[in-house]
Amino acid sequence: MIKVKICGLTTESSVAQSVRCGASFIGFVFYKKSPRNINLNIASQLSKLIPGTVKKVGLFVDPTIGDLEKSITKISLDYIQLHGDETPDHVRRIREIFNIPIIKAIGVSEESDLEEIEKYEEICDQLLIDTKPSPNMSLPGGNGAVFDWELISNKRFYLPWFLAGGLNSSNVCEAIRVSGATQVDVSSGVEISAGIKDNLRIADFITAVKKRV
């Protein structure tokens, strides 16, 4: 069964819809430059709507230990997702301090980018393979851009991993077929505008994954 992660949720309605439709992971973005950035107090309230069967993920970009401590104290996160330029040493320190599983995002645009994966395989618990942002993109992820899935079609991964980057209900089945992904992550692909999730698109995306041929 392919697992779905819906990332960047900010409302009760979108959280409830994601849970109802069968998402396995729900992500909250704690990055002030993102249109999906969420206040800690709001995230804490929304997290109470999420059953234990659905994993809560906090997304951070180059966080300090203090940033993480505030969030983890407020919300019982199941995973920390690191989506910045965190070095392997910094990732290792975060994992040792907080003892929470870590998902590390790796940006890919060409084959040489896959070398980054090896640096984190012995440190992290999961990986998220995303489209590497171009110089004109201000965000490290959630840009709605797709990379060439063939780049990872024959890649052997030693950790569980998510496929991300420009996925939506129209292309996710092909993305899974080509890449071999068993977990997918979507954010902008279920939005009507930047940061505004649409319940119908959430349902369509999860249904497409579940009913793929």
Protein backbone atom coordinates (compact mmCIF):
# COMPACT_ATOMS: atom_id res chain seq x y z
CA MET A 1 0.00 0.00 0.00
CA ILE A 2 1.30 3.42 -0.97
CA LYS A 3 1.37 5.85 1.94
CA VAL A 4 0.40 9.50 1.50
CA LYS A 5 1.78 12.52 3.34
CA ILE A 6 -0.20 15.76 3.11
CA CYS A 7 2.10 18.63 4.04
CA GLY A 8 1.55 22.25 4.95
CA LEU A 9 -1.86 21.99 6.59
CA THR A 10 -3.15 25.03 8.48
CA THR A 11 -6.88 24.51 9.11
CA GLU A 12 -9.16 22.14 10.99
CA SER A 13 -11.01 21.38 7.78
CA SER A 14 -7.94 20.28 5.84
CA VAL A 15 -6.61 18.21 8.74
CA ALA A 16 -9.97 16.47 9.20
CA GLN A 17 -10.25 15.84 5.46
CA SER A 18 -6.74 14.37 5.25
CA VAL A 19 -7.44 12.02 8.15
CA ARG A 20 -10.85 11.07 6.77
CA CYS A 21 -9.46 10.28 3.31
CA GLY A 22 -6.67 8.07 4.63
CA ALA A 23 -3.45 10.10 4.83
CA SER A 24 -0.71 8.29 6.76
CA PHE A 25 1.27 11.44 7.57
CA ILE A 26 0.29 15.06 8.16
CA GLY A 27 2.89 17.79 8.00
CA PHE A 28 3.05 21.19 9.68
CA VAL A 29 5.46 23.75 8.26
CA PHE A 30 7.49 25.81 10.73
CA TYR A 31 9.31 28.07 8.28
CA LYS A 32 8.41 31.74 8.37
CA LYS A 33 9.10 32.39 4.68
CA SER A 34 6.62 29.73 3.60
CA PRO A 35 2.98 30.57 2.79
CA ARG A 36 2.21 27.39 4.72
CA ASN A 37 3.96 28.52 7.89
CA ILE A 38 1.82 27.78 10.93
CA ASN A 39 1.71 29.30 14.40
CA LEU A 40 2.77 26.88 17.13
CA ASN A 41 -0.42 27.38 19.12
CA ILE A 42 -2.61 26.65 16.09
CA ALA A 43 -0.52 23.61 15.19
CA SER A 44 -0.90 22.36 18.74
CA GLN A 45 -4.69 22.60 18.51
CA LEU A 46 -4.79 20.94 15.09
CA SER A 47 -2.56 18.11 16.26
CA LYS A 48 -5.28 17.09 18.71
CA LEU A 49 -7.48 16.22 15.73
CA ILE A 50 -4.96 13.70 14.45
CA PRO A 51 -5.38 10.09 15.64
CA GLY A 52 -2.42 8.04 16.74
CA THR A 53 -2.56 6.02 13.52
CA VAL A 54 -1.57 9.12 11.53
CA LYS A 55 1.96 10.42 12.03
CA LYS A 56 2.57 14.11 12.79
CA VAL A 57 5.53 15.64 10.99
CA GLY A 58 7.10 19.02 11.74
CA LEU A 59 8.93 20.58 8.79
CA PHE A 60 11.89 22.84 9.59
CA VAL A 61 14.48 24.65 7.48
CA ASP A 62 17.94 24.99 9.05
CA PRO A 63 16.48 25.14 12.59
CA THR A 64 18.41 25.92 15.73
CA ILE A 65 18.19 23.52 18.65
CA GLY A 66 16.11 26.18 20.43
CA ASP A 67 13.62 26.35 17.55
CA LEU A 68 13.15 22.62 17.65
CA GLU A 69 12.85 22.50 21.43
CA LYS A 70 9.99 25.04 21.42
CA SER A 71 8.06 23.13 18.79
CA ILE A 72 8.63 19.71 20.26
CA THR A 73 7.63 20.93 23.71
CA LYS A 74 4.37 22.30 22.30
CA ILE A 75 3.51 19.45 19.93
CA SER A 76 4.05 15.72 20.22
CA LEU A 77 5.73 15.23 16.85
CA ASP A 78 6.33 11.77 15.45
CA TYR A 79 8.92 12.99 12.94
CA ILE A 80 11.18 15.99 12.38
CA GLN A 81 11.55 16.81 8.69
CA LEU A 82 14.65 18.81 7.79
CA HIS A 83 14.31 20.68 4.53
CA GLY A 84 17.31 23.00 4.53
CA ASP A 85 21.09 22.75 4.23
CA GLU A 86 21.51 20.81 7.45
CA THR A 87 24.86 19.02 7.49
CA PRO A 88 25.09 15.35 8.45
CA ASP A 89 26.74 16.36 11.74
CA HIS A 90 23.91 18.75 12.59
CA VAL A 91 21.31 16.13 11.72
CA ARG A 92 23.08 13.62 13.92
CA ARG A 93 23.14 16.09 16.83
CA ILE A 94 19.40 16.83 16.46
CA ARG A 95 18.62 13.13 16.49
CA GLU A 96 20.75 12.53 19.59
CA ILE A 97 19.25 15.45 21.52
CA PHE A 98 15.57 14.85 20.78
CA ASN A 99 15.45 11.13 20.02
CA ILE A 100 12.75 11.70 17.40
CA PRO A 101 12.89 10.02 13.97
CA ILE A 102 14.19 12.32 11.25
CA ILE A 103 13.17 12.72 7.61
CA LYS A 104 15.83 14.52 5.55
CA ALA A 105 14.82 16.18 2.30
CA ILE A 106 17.22 15.83 -0.63
CA GLY A 107 16.79 18.04 -3.66
CA VAL A 108 17.30 16.39 -7.06
CA SER A 109 17.63 17.88 -10.53
CA GLU A 110 20.40 15.75 -12.05
CA GLU A 111 22.10 12.42 -11.39
CA SER A 112 24.99 13.93 -9.43
CA ASP A 113 22.51 15.15 -6.78
CA LEU A 114 21.90 11.53 -5.78
CA GLU A 115 25.33 11.48 -4.12
CA GLU A 116 23.83 13.55 -1.30
CA ILE A 117 21.63 10.62 -0.33
CA GLU A 118 24.58 8.51 0.82
CA LYS A 119 25.67 11.19 3.29
CA TYR A 120 22.44 10.86 5.27
CA GLU A 121 21.50 7.20 4.97
CA GLU A 122 23.22 6.15 8.19
CA ILE A 123 21.91 9.14 10.15
CA CYS A 124 18.26 9.56 9.24
CA ASP A 125 15.20 7.36 9.55
CA GLN A 126 13.59 8.35 6.26
CA LEU A 127 14.41 10.44 3.20
CA LEU A 128 12.27 12.75 1.10
CA ILE A 129 13.36 13.07 -2.52
CA ASP A 130 12.17 16.43 -3.81
CA THR A 131 12.78 18.72 -6.76
CA LYS A 132 15.92 20.75 -6.26
CA PRO A 133 14.88 24.42 -6.28
CA SER A 134 16.25 26.56 -9.07
CA PRO A 135 18.02 29.85 -8.21
CA ASN A 136 14.86 31.87 -8.84
CA MET A 137 12.83 29.88 -6.30
CA SER A 138 12.64 31.35 -2.81
CA LEU A 139 11.45 28.19 -1.06
CA PRO A 140 13.38 24.94 -0.53
CA GLY A 141 10.23 22.93 -1.32
CA GLY A 142 6.54 23.25 -2.10
CA ASN A 143 7.24 24.97 -5.41
CA GLY A 144 5.08 22.69 -7.53
CA ALA A 145 8.04 21.72 -9.73
CA VAL A 146 8.63 18.17 -10.98
CA PHE A 147 12.01 16.50 -11.50
CA ASP A 148 12.84 13.61 -13.83
CA TRP A 149 11.62 10.52 -11.98
CA GLU A 150 13.79 8.32 -14.19
CA LEU A 151 16.77 9.58 -12.20
CA ILE A 152 15.72 7.42 -9.26
CA SER A 153 13.92 4.60 -11.11
CA ASN A 154 16.85 2.21 -10.60
CA LYS A 155 18.18 3.72 -7.39
CA ARG A 156 18.53 1.34 -4.46
CA PHE A 157 17.48 3.05 -1.25
CA TYR A 158 18.54 1.74 2.15
CA LEU A 159 15.91 3.74 4.02
CA PRO A 160 12.17 4.28 3.57
CA TRP A 161 11.65 7.34 1.38
CA PHE A 162 9.00 9.72 0.07
CA LEU A 163 8.68 11.02 -3.48
CA ALA A 164 7.83 14.74 -3.58
CA GLY A 165 7.95 17.62 -6.01
CA GLY A 166 5.04 18.83 -8.10
CA LEU A 167 2.81 15.83 -7.49
CA ASN A 168 -0.94 16.09 -8.02
CA SER A 169 -3.87 13.77 -8.69
CA SER A 170 -3.13 13.77 -12.44
CA ASN A 171 0.52 12.71 -12.33
CA VAL A 172 0.98 10.83 -9.05
CA CYS A 173 0.22 7.38 -10.48
CA GLU A 174 2.76 7.81 -13.25
CA ALA A 175 5.25 9.17 -10.73
CA ILE A 176 4.83 6.06 -8.59
CA ARG A 177 5.15 3.75 -11.60
CA VAL A 178 8.35 5.35 -12.88
CA SER A 179 10.10 6.03 -9.58
CA GLY A 180 9.02 2.96 -7.65
CA ALA A 181 7.98 5.10 -4.68
CA THR A 182 5.97 3.51 -1.89
CA GLN A 183 5.37 6.84 -0.12
CA VAL A 184 4.36 10.16 -1.69
CA ASP A 185 4.29 13.71 -0.34
CA VAL A 186 2.05 16.49 -1.63
CA SER A 187 1.60 20.14 -0.70
CA SER A 188 1.02 22.63 -3.52
CA GLY A 189 -0.64 19.91 -5.61
CA VAL A 190 -3.72 19.98 -3.35
CA GLU A 191 -4.00 23.78 -3.10
CA ILE A 192 -6.20 26.35 -4.82
CA SER A 193 -3.57 29.03 -4.12
CA ALA A 194 -0.28 29.15 -2.24
CA GLY A 195 -0.86 27.83 1.25
CA ILE A 196 -4.62 27.30 0.83
CA LYS A 197 -5.56 23.63 0.75
CA ASP A 198 -8.65 22.40 -1.10
CA ASN A 199 -10.58 19.49 0.41
CA LEU A 200 -11.70 18.15 -2.96
CA ARG A 201 -8.11 18.10 -4.22
CA ILE A 202 -6.97 16.32 -1.07
CA ALA A 203 -9.62 13.66 -1.65
CA ASP A 204 -8.79 13.38 -5.36
CA PHE A 205 -5.09 12.94 -4.66
CA ILE A 206 -5.51 10.22 -2.03
CA THR A 207 -8.15 8.46 -4.15
CA ALA A 208 -5.84 8.49 -7.15
CA VAL A 209 -3.08 6.85 -5.11
CA LYS A 210 -5.40 4.23 -3.66
CA LYS A 211 -7.01 3.36 -7.00
CA ARG A 212 -3.89 3.45 -9.15
CA VAL A 213 -3.58 0.73 -11.77
